[in-house]
Amino acid sequence: MIDPDLGRILKRVRRVVVLTGAGVSAESGIPTFRDASSGLWKRFDPESLATPEAFQRDPARVWEWYAHRRAMAAEASPNPAHRALAEWERRLDGCPVVTQNVDGLHQRAGSRDVIELHGSLLRSRCLDPRHPVEEGADAVGVDLPPRCQTCGGPLRPDVVWFGEALPAGAYEAALAAVAEADFLLSVGTSSLVQPAASLPLEALERGVPVVEINIEPTPLTPVADWSLRGTAGEILPRLAAAASS
């Protein structure tokens, strides 16, 4: 049951910004980052494999870890939450998705306006930032990691590692989307990781209604206009339906 006040607002909104986190992808069977170790990877701490220093020490092992995660993402399918957002985008003046996920499921569901704060498993890039990002991340031949087509140097996954800055322009694009929004959804995110966690607060400061969807309380819960308990796959389709009814 949708709160009547929320239902009335949903019918009026024209530009929604959606911040998504690992909880959305978990419903597609993709484990969260810290739960992603399985098989031979169980003996490794994921955080020890997600740093520039780890890649410098053992680039082949880090590449294989990300290939393992990439394979899990490839086997997954978009869930009702991803599909509801893609459908909502088609009906609104705008529905940019600002995601902390790196699996590409929003795009596979049909969302076209996706801002990837933490990069993508589906791309590779050279250690030299002047060289172009390369689509695709599969190793070819025996070299691990594969080599940059420009300089022959090692490629790395195009994701944000611990201690690194966000991709150039990503956070600025997210802030610009919030500045134009008349509604913000925070979905499946812990609201702990900065700077993403500040985006709902930016919206609240502008008087934009904020709805949180999560299975448990977060630091955003006390200040959000509505905090809805449950999974994104259950709640997002209901909100989208309420907006179009």
Foldseek 3Di string as FASTA:
>chain_A
DDDPVLLVVLQPWFAEEEEEEDLQCVVQVQDHQQPNADDPRPVDGSLCLFDPVNCVVPVLVSLVSLVSSLVRLVPTAHFLLLLLQQVLCVVHPYYEYEYCDASCRNVVSRDDRYQHFFYHSQWKDAPPVVADIGGGQDPDDDDRPAADPPPRGGIDGGGHGPPDHTPPPRVVVLLVSLVPGQAYEYAHDQLPDPPSVCSVVSNVVVVRAYEYEEQDDHPCVVPHPYYHHDHSNPVSNVSSVSNVD
